[in-house]
Amino acid sequence: MLRQLGLADMEEAAQVHRIAFDQAMPWLAGLHTPDEDRWFYRERVFPTCRVWGCFEEDVLGGIIAFRDGWVNQLYVHPAAQRRGAGTELLKIAKQAFDRLELWTFQRNTRARRFYEARGFALVEQTDGTRNEEREPDARYLWRRQ
């Protein structure tokens, strides 16, 4: 089940983000505390983005946050991966815009393959000096055909 999330879902959304992030990129695990994650979602993500979640039996398994042609966050809990949650969440953002951009880390090869398989094209790579993690990243672009 997909539904738009509200601030009442903030804590669960931040937790999905943290678990998925740490599992996908263990070299960056522990970058933020749970309190920092909750602050980020409460103060930055929910006020500026449309946030949607994918639920299985009332358990939040994945989230997407997007705005103004950008996917800001897309995370699927490891227990919910490979069941279509990420694809379904991405479809919501694709329905809202004719063009989407996003950043992912260059070393996150699973994410890169995921986006490329769903029509995103690599348009830029950086050395990571402009991001908080100082991790080389890649910008992707999708355009409606």
N, C-alpha and C. Protein backbone atom coordinates (compact mmCIF):
# COMPACT_ATOMS: atom_id res chain seq x y z
N MET A 1 0.84 -1.18 0.00
CA MET A 1 0.00 0.00 0.00
C MET A 1 0.89 1.25 0.00
N LEU A 2 0.55 2.18 -0.83
CA LEU A 2 1.25 3.46 -0.91
C LEU A 2 0.36 4.55 -0.35
N ARG A 3 0.98 5.48 0.39
CA ARG A 3 0.22 6.65 0.84
C ARG A 3 1.19 7.78 1.15
N GLN A 4 0.66 9.00 1.05
CA GLN A 4 1.46 10.16 1.40
C GLN A 4 1.66 10.16 2.91
N LEU A 5 2.86 10.50 3.34
CA LEU A 5 3.18 10.51 4.75
C LEU A 5 3.00 11.90 5.33
N GLY A 6 2.72 11.94 6.61
CA GLY A 6 2.61 13.20 7.34
C GLY A 6 3.65 13.25 8.44
N LEU A 7 3.69 14.36 9.11
CA LEU A 7 4.68 14.54 10.17
C LEU A 7 4.58 13.46 11.25
N ALA A 8 3.40 12.90 11.44
CA ALA A 8 3.24 11.83 12.42
C ALA A 8 4.04 10.58 12.04
N ASP A 9 4.40 10.47 10.76
CA ASP A 9 5.18 9.33 10.26
C ASP A 9 6.68 9.61 10.26
N MET A 10 7.07 10.80 10.71
CA MET A 10 8.45 11.27 10.60
C MET A 10 9.45 10.32 11.24
N GLU A 11 9.18 9.88 12.44
CA GLU A 11 10.15 9.04 13.14
C GLU A 11 10.37 7.72 12.41
N GLU A 12 9.29 7.10 11.94
CA GLU A 12 9.41 5.84 11.23
C GLU A 12 10.14 6.04 9.89
N ALA A 13 9.87 7.16 9.21
CA ALA A 13 10.55 7.46 7.95
C ALA A 13 12.05 7.64 8.18
N ALA A 14 12.41 8.38 9.23
CA ALA A 14 13.83 8.59 9.54
C ALA A 14 14.52 7.27 9.87
N GLN A 15 13.81 6.38 10.52
CA GLN A 15 14.39 5.08 10.87
C GLN A 15 14.61 4.23 9.62
N VAL A 16 13.65 4.20 8.70
CA VAL A 16 13.84 3.47 7.44
C VAL A 16 15.05 4.02 6.71
N HIS A 17 15.15 5.34 6.65
CA HIS A 17 16.30 5.99 6.00
C HIS A 17 17.61 5.49 6.61
N ARG A 18 17.71 5.57 7.92
CA ARG A 18 18.96 5.21 8.59
C ARG A 18 19.33 3.74 8.37
N ILE A 19 18.38 2.84 8.53
CA ILE A 19 18.67 1.41 8.38
C ILE A 19 19.10 1.10 6.95
N ALA A 20 18.35 1.63 5.97
CA ALA A 20 18.68 1.37 4.57
C ALA A 20 20.02 2.00 4.19
N PHE A 21 20.26 3.22 4.64
CA PHE A 21 21.51 3.92 4.34
C PHE A 21 22.70 3.14 4.89
N ASP A 22 22.62 2.77 6.15
CA ASP A 22 23.75 2.07 6.78
C ASP A 22 24.00 0.71 6.15
N GLN A 23 22.95 0.03 5.73
CA GLN A 23 23.12 -1.27 5.10
C GLN A 23 23.73 -1.13 3.71
N ALA A 24 23.29 -0.13 2.95
CA ALA A 24 23.77 0.07 1.59
C ALA A 24 25.18 0.64 1.54
N MET A 25 25.53 1.44 2.53
CA MET A 25 26.82 2.12 2.53
C MET A 25 27.49 2.01 3.89
N PRO A 26 27.93 0.81 4.26
CA PRO A 26 28.48 0.61 5.60
C PRO A 26 29.71 1.49 5.90
N TRP A 27 30.41 1.93 4.88
CA TRP A 27 31.57 2.80 5.09
C TRP A 27 31.15 4.18 5.60
N LEU A 28 29.86 4.51 5.52
CA LEU A 28 29.35 5.78 6.03
C LEU A 28 28.43 5.59 7.23
N ALA A 29 28.28 4.37 7.71
CA ALA A 29 27.37 4.07 8.82
C ALA A 29 27.73 4.92 10.04
N GLY A 30 26.72 5.34 10.75
CA GLY A 30 26.94 6.11 11.96
C GLY A 30 27.23 7.57 11.72
N LEU A 31 27.06 8.03 10.50
CA LEU A 31 27.34 9.42 10.17
C LEU A 31 26.48 10.38 10.99
N HIS A 32 25.23 9.96 11.25
CA HIS A 32 24.31 10.78 12.04
C HIS A 32 23.66 9.94 13.13
N THR A 33 23.29 10.60 14.20
CA THR A 33 22.59 9.92 15.29
C THR A 33 21.10 9.83 14.94
N PRO A 34 20.35 8.96 15.61
CA PRO A 34 18.90 8.92 15.39
C PRO A 34 18.23 10.28 15.66
N ASP A 35 18.70 11.01 16.67
CA ASP A 35 18.13 12.34 16.94
C ASP A 35 18.37 13.29 15.77
N GLU A 36 19.55 13.24 15.17
CA GLU A 36 19.86 14.08 14.02
C GLU A 36 19.00 13.69 12.82
N ASP A 37 18.80 12.40 12.63
CA ASP A 37 17.94 11.94 11.54
C ASP A 37 16.51 12.45 11.72
N ARG A 38 15.98 12.36 12.92
CA ARG A 38 14.62 12.84 13.17
C ARG A 38 14.53 14.35 12.94
N TRP A 39 15.53 15.10 13.41
CA TRP A 39 15.56 16.54 13.18
C TRP A 39 15.55 16.83 11.68
N PHE A 40 16.38 16.13 10.92
CA PHE A 40 16.47 16.33 9.48
C PHE A 40 15.11 16.10 8.81
N TYR A 41 14.45 15.03 9.15
CA TYR A 41 13.14 14.75 8.55
C TYR A 41 12.08 15.75 9.00
N ARG A 42 12.09 16.10 10.27
CA ARG A 42 11.10 17.04 10.81
C ARG A 42 11.29 18.45 10.25
N GLU A 43 12.54 18.91 10.21
CA GLU A 43 12.82 20.31 9.87
C GLU A 43 13.15 20.55 8.39
N ARG A 44 13.65 19.54 7.71
CA ARG A 44 14.09 19.75 6.32
C ARG A 44 13.28 18.98 5.29
N VAL A 45 13.01 17.71 5.55
CA VAL A 45 12.36 16.88 4.53
C VAL A 45 10.86 17.14 4.47
N PHE A 46 10.16 16.95 5.58
CA PHE A 46 8.70 17.08 5.55
C PHE A 46 8.23 18.50 5.20
N PRO A 47 8.89 19.57 5.66
CA PRO A 47 8.41 20.91 5.28
C PRO A 47 8.62 21.27 3.81
N THR A 48 9.54 20.61 3.12
CA THR A 48 9.88 21.03 1.76
C THR A 48 9.54 20.02 0.68
N CYS A 49 9.23 18.80 1.05
CA CYS A 49 9.03 17.73 0.07
C CYS A 49 7.67 17.07 0.21
N ARG A 50 7.26 16.44 -0.86
CA ARG A 50 6.16 15.47 -0.79
C ARG A 50 6.81 14.17 -0.37
N VAL A 51 6.32 13.57 0.67
CA VAL A 51 6.90 12.34 1.20
C VAL A 51 5.85 11.24 1.13
N TRP A 52 6.22 10.15 0.51
CA TRP A 52 5.33 8.99 0.35
C TRP A 52 6.00 7.78 0.95
N GLY A 53 5.17 6.85 1.38
CA GLY A 53 5.67 5.61 1.95
C GLY A 53 5.01 4.40 1.33
N CYS A 54 5.72 3.30 1.37
CA CYS A 54 5.20 2.02 0.91
C CYS A 54 5.09 1.12 2.15
N PHE A 55 3.89 0.61 2.37
CA PHE A 55 3.62 -0.18 3.56
C PHE A 55 3.29 -1.61 3.19
N GLU A 56 3.70 -2.51 4.05
CA GLU A 56 3.29 -3.91 3.95
C GLU A 56 2.76 -4.30 5.32
N GLU A 57 1.47 -4.57 5.38
CA GLU A 57 0.82 -4.90 6.65
C GLU A 57 1.11 -3.85 7.72
N ASP A 58 0.88 -2.60 7.38
CA ASP A 58 1.05 -1.45 8.28
C ASP A 58 2.49 -1.19 8.72
N VAL A 59 3.46 -1.83 8.10
CA VAL A 59 4.87 -1.59 8.41
C VAL A 59 5.47 -0.79 7.26
N LEU A 60 6.06 0.36 7.58
CA LEU A 60 6.68 1.19 6.56
C LEU A 60 7.94 0.50 6.05
N GLY A 61 7.95 0.23 4.75
CA GLY A 61 9.08 -0.48 4.16
C GLY A 61 9.95 0.38 3.28
N GLY A 62 9.42 1.52 2.83
CA GLY A 62 10.20 2.39 1.96
C GLY A 62 9.63 3.78 1.92
N ILE A 63 10.48 4.75 1.58
CA ILE A 63 10.06 6.16 1.53
C ILE A 63 10.66 6.83 0.31
N ILE A 64 9.94 7.81 -0.18
CA ILE A 64 10.48 8.72 -1.20
C ILE A 64 10.09 10.13 -0.80
N ALA A 65 11.01 11.06 -0.96
CA ALA A 65 10.76 12.48 -0.74
C ALA A 65 11.21 13.21 -2.00
N PHE A 66 10.31 14.02 -2.57
CA PHE A 66 10.64 14.70 -3.83
C PHE A 66 10.00 16.08 -3.87
N ARG A 67 10.60 16.94 -4.70
CA ARG A 67 10.09 18.30 -4.88
C ARG A 67 10.75 18.91 -6.10
N ASP A 68 10.05 19.79 -6.77
CA ASP A 68 10.61 20.60 -7.85
C ASP A 68 11.50 19.83 -8.82
N GLY A 69 11.08 18.64 -9.22
CA GLY A 69 11.86 17.88 -10.19
C GLY A 69 13.06 17.16 -9.62
N TRP A 70 13.14 17.06 -8.32
CA TRP A 70 14.26 16.37 -7.67
C TRP A 70 13.75 15.27 -6.74
N VAL A 71 14.41 14.14 -6.77
CA VAL A 71 14.20 13.11 -5.76
C VAL A 71 15.24 13.38 -4.69
N ASN A 72 14.78 13.78 -3.52
CA ASN A 72 15.70 14.11 -2.44
C ASN A 72 16.10 12.89 -1.62
N GLN A 73 15.16 11.98 -1.43
CA GLN A 73 15.41 10.77 -0.63
C GLN A 73 14.63 9.63 -1.26
N LEU A 74 15.26 8.47 -1.34
CA LEU A 74 14.56 7.23 -1.71
C LEU A 74 15.27 6.10 -0.99
N TYR A 75 14.61 5.52 -0.01
CA TYR A 75 15.19 4.45 0.79
C TYR A 75 14.18 3.36 1.00
N VAL A 76 14.64 2.12 0.86
CA VAL A 76 13.80 0.95 1.12
C VAL A 76 14.50 0.11 2.18
N HIS A 77 13.76 -0.22 3.22
CA HIS A 77 14.29 -1.06 4.30
C HIS A 77 14.81 -2.36 3.70
N PRO A 78 15.97 -2.86 4.17
CA PRO A 78 16.52 -4.10 3.61
C PRO A 78 15.53 -5.26 3.58
N ALA A 79 14.67 -5.37 4.59
CA ALA A 79 13.69 -6.47 4.64
C ALA A 79 12.61 -6.34 3.56
N ALA A 80 12.46 -5.14 2.99
CA ALA A 80 11.43 -4.90 1.98
C ALA A 80 12.01 -4.78 0.57
N GLN A 81 13.32 -4.90 0.43
CA GLN A 81 13.94 -4.73 -0.88
C GLN A 81 13.63 -5.89 -1.81
N ARG A 82 13.70 -5.58 -3.09
CA ARG A 82 13.48 -6.55 -4.18
C ARG A 82 12.04 -7.05 -4.23
N ARG A 83 11.11 -6.21 -3.77
CA ARG A 83 9.68 -6.53 -3.84
C ARG A 83 8.90 -5.46 -4.60
N GLY A 84 9.60 -4.53 -5.21
CA GLY A 84 8.95 -3.50 -6.02
C GLY A 84 8.65 -2.20 -5.31
N ALA A 85 8.97 -2.10 -4.03
CA ALA A 85 8.64 -0.87 -3.28
C ALA A 85 9.35 0.35 -3.87
N GLY A 86 10.62 0.25 -4.15
CA GLY A 86 11.37 1.37 -4.71
C GLY A 86 10.82 1.81 -6.05
N THR A 87 10.49 0.84 -6.89
CA THR A 87 9.93 1.15 -8.21
C THR A 87 8.59 1.85 -8.08
N GLU A 88 7.74 1.36 -7.20
CA GLU A 88 6.42 1.98 -7.01
C GLU A 88 6.54 3.39 -6.44
N LEU A 89 7.45 3.59 -5.51
CA LEU A 89 7.65 4.93 -4.95
C LEU A 89 8.19 5.87 -6.02
N LEU A 90 9.11 5.41 -6.82
CA LEU A 90 9.67 6.24 -7.88
C LEU A 90 8.60 6.62 -8.90
N LYS A 91 7.66 5.72 -9.17
CA LYS A 91 6.56 6.02 -10.10
C LYS A 91 5.75 7.21 -9.63
N ILE A 92 5.57 7.36 -8.34
CA ILE A 92 4.80 8.49 -7.81
C ILE A 92 5.47 9.80 -8.19
N ALA A 93 6.79 9.88 -8.01
CA ALA A 93 7.52 11.09 -8.38
C ALA A 93 7.50 11.30 -9.89
N LYS A 94 7.61 10.22 -10.65
CA LYS A 94 7.59 10.34 -12.11
C LYS A 94 6.23 10.83 -12.62
N GLN A 95 5.16 10.49 -11.91
CA GLN A 95 3.84 10.97 -12.30
C GLN A 95 3.69 12.47 -12.03
N ALA A 96 4.44 12.98 -11.08
CA ALA A 96 4.32 14.38 -10.68
C ALA A 96 5.13 15.33 -11.55
N PHE A 97 6.15 14.82 -12.21
CA PHE A 97 7.06 15.69 -12.98
C PHE A 97 7.42 15.05 -14.31
N ASP A 98 7.74 15.88 -15.29
CA ASP A 98 8.20 15.38 -16.59
C ASP A 98 9.70 15.14 -16.60
N ARG A 99 10.36 15.61 -15.55
CA ARG A 99 11.81 15.52 -15.47
C ARG A 99 12.17 15.38 -13.99
N LEU A 100 13.07 14.46 -13.69
CA LEU A 100 13.54 14.26 -12.31
C LEU A 100 15.06 14.15 -12.31
N GLU A 101 15.65 14.72 -11.27
CA GLU A 101 17.08 14.56 -11.05
C GLU A 101 17.29 14.02 -9.65
N LEU A 102 18.44 13.42 -9.44
CA LEU A 102 18.79 12.93 -8.11
C LEU A 102 20.30 12.72 -8.04
N TRP A 103 20.77 12.66 -6.82
CA TRP A 103 22.16 12.34 -6.55
C TRP A 103 22.23 10.99 -5.84
N THR A 104 23.25 10.24 -6.13
CA THR A 104 23.57 9.03 -5.38
C THR A 104 25.09 8.94 -5.32
N PHE A 105 25.59 8.14 -4.41
CA PHE A 105 27.04 8.00 -4.30
C PHE A 105 27.56 7.07 -5.38
N GLN A 106 28.73 7.38 -5.91
CA GLN A 106 29.31 6.56 -6.97
C GLN A 106 29.51 5.11 -6.52
N ARG A 107 29.88 4.91 -5.27
CA ARG A 107 30.13 3.55 -4.78
C ARG A 107 28.86 2.77 -4.50
N ASN A 108 27.70 3.42 -4.52
CA ASN A 108 26.44 2.74 -4.28
C ASN A 108 25.95 2.13 -5.60
N THR A 109 26.62 1.06 -6.00
CA THR A 109 26.36 0.47 -7.31
C THR A 109 24.94 -0.10 -7.43
N ARG A 110 24.38 -0.62 -6.36
CA ARG A 110 23.00 -1.13 -6.42
C ARG A 110 22.02 -0.01 -6.74
N ALA A 111 22.20 1.12 -6.10
CA ALA A 111 21.31 2.26 -6.38
C ALA A 111 21.50 2.73 -7.82
N ARG A 112 22.73 2.80 -8.26
CA ARG A 112 22.98 3.26 -9.62
C ARG A 112 22.34 2.33 -10.65
N ARG A 113 22.47 1.03 -10.45
CA ARG A 113 21.84 0.07 -11.36
C ARG A 113 20.31 0.21 -11.31
N PHE A 114 19.77 0.40 -10.10
CA PHE A 114 18.33 0.59 -9.93
C PHE A 114 17.84 1.77 -10.77
N TYR A 115 18.48 2.93 -10.62
CA TYR A 115 18.04 4.12 -11.34
C TYR A 115 18.23 3.96 -12.85
N GLU A 116 19.35 3.42 -13.26
CA GLU A 116 19.61 3.24 -14.69
C GLU A 116 18.58 2.31 -15.31
N ALA A 117 18.18 1.26 -14.60
CA ALA A 117 17.17 0.32 -15.11
C ALA A 117 15.80 0.97 -15.21
N ARG A 118 15.59 2.09 -14.56
CA ARG A 118 14.31 2.78 -14.59
C ARG A 118 14.37 4.08 -15.39
N GLY A 119 15.34 4.14 -16.30
CA GLY A 119 15.38 5.23 -17.27
C GLY A 119 16.20 6.44 -16.91
N PHE A 120 16.90 6.43 -15.79
CA PHE A 120 17.74 7.56 -15.42
C PHE A 120 19.09 7.44 -16.13
N ALA A 121 19.62 8.58 -16.55
CA ALA A 121 20.92 8.62 -17.23
C ALA A 121 21.90 9.42 -16.39
N LEU A 122 23.11 8.94 -16.32
CA LEU A 122 24.19 9.64 -15.62
C LEU A 122 24.52 10.92 -16.38
N VAL A 123 24.54 12.07 -15.65
CA VAL A 123 24.86 13.34 -16.29
C VAL A 123 26.04 14.05 -15.66
N GLU A 124 26.43 13.63 -14.46
CA GLU A 124 27.55 14.32 -13.79
C GLU A 124 28.11 13.42 -12.69
N GLN A 125 29.44 13.48 -12.53
CA GLN A 125 30.08 12.83 -11.39
C GLN A 125 30.98 13.88 -10.71
N THR A 126 31.03 13.83 -9.39
CA THR A 126 31.88 14.78 -8.67
C THR A 126 32.83 14.03 -7.73
N ASP A 127 33.77 14.76 -7.20
CA ASP A 127 34.73 14.16 -6.27
C ASP A 127 34.22 14.15 -4.82
N GLY A 128 33.02 14.68 -4.61
CA GLY A 128 32.42 14.66 -3.28
C GLY A 128 32.73 15.86 -2.41
N THR A 129 33.49 16.81 -2.89
CA THR A 129 33.84 17.95 -2.05
C THR A 129 32.64 18.84 -1.73
N ARG A 130 31.56 18.72 -2.52
CA ARG A 130 30.37 19.56 -2.29
C ARG A 130 29.32 18.88 -1.42
N ASN A 131 29.54 17.63 -1.00
CA ASN A 131 28.53 16.99 -0.15
C ASN A 131 29.07 16.78 1.26
N GLU A 132 28.15 16.64 2.17
CA GLU A 132 28.48 16.52 3.59
C GLU A 132 29.37 15.32 3.89
N GLU A 133 29.16 14.23 3.16
CA GLU A 133 29.89 12.99 3.43
C GLU A 133 31.28 12.98 2.82
N ARG A 134 31.56 13.92 1.92
CA ARG A 134 32.84 13.98 1.20
C ARG A 134 33.07 12.70 0.40
N GLU A 135 31.96 12.20 -0.15
CA GLU A 135 31.95 10.94 -0.89
C GLU A 135 31.66 11.25 -2.36
N PRO A 136 32.49 10.76 -3.29
CA PRO A 136 32.20 11.00 -4.71
C PRO A 136 30.77 10.58 -5.06
N ASP A 137 30.09 11.47 -5.78
CA ASP A 137 28.70 11.20 -6.08
C ASP A 137 28.41 11.31 -7.57
N ALA A 138 27.18 10.95 -7.93
CA ALA A 138 26.76 10.93 -9.33
C ALA A 138 25.37 11.52 -9.41
N ARG A 139 25.19 12.41 -10.39
CA ARG A 139 23.87 13.01 -10.61
C ARG A 139 23.22 12.32 -11.81
N TYR A 140 21.95 11.97 -11.62
CA TYR A 140 21.18 11.28 -12.66
C TYR A 140 19.99 12.13 -13.08
N LEU A 141 19.57 11.92 -14.33
CA LEU A 141 18.45 12.67 -14.90
C LEU A 141 17.50 11.68 -15.58
N TRP A 142 16.20 11.89 -15.36
CA TRP A 142 15.15 11.14 -16.07
C TRP A 142 14.24 12.17 -16.73
N ARG A 143 13.85 11.87 -17.97
CA ARG A 143 12.89 12.72 -18.69
C ARG A 143 11.78 11.83 -19.23
N ARG A 144 10.55 12.33 -19.10
CA ARG A 144 9.40 11.61 -19.66
C ARG A 144 9.56 11.58 -21.18
N GLN A 145 9.29 10.45 -21.76
CA GLN A 145 9.39 10.30 -23.24
C GLN A 145 8.18 10.88 -23.91
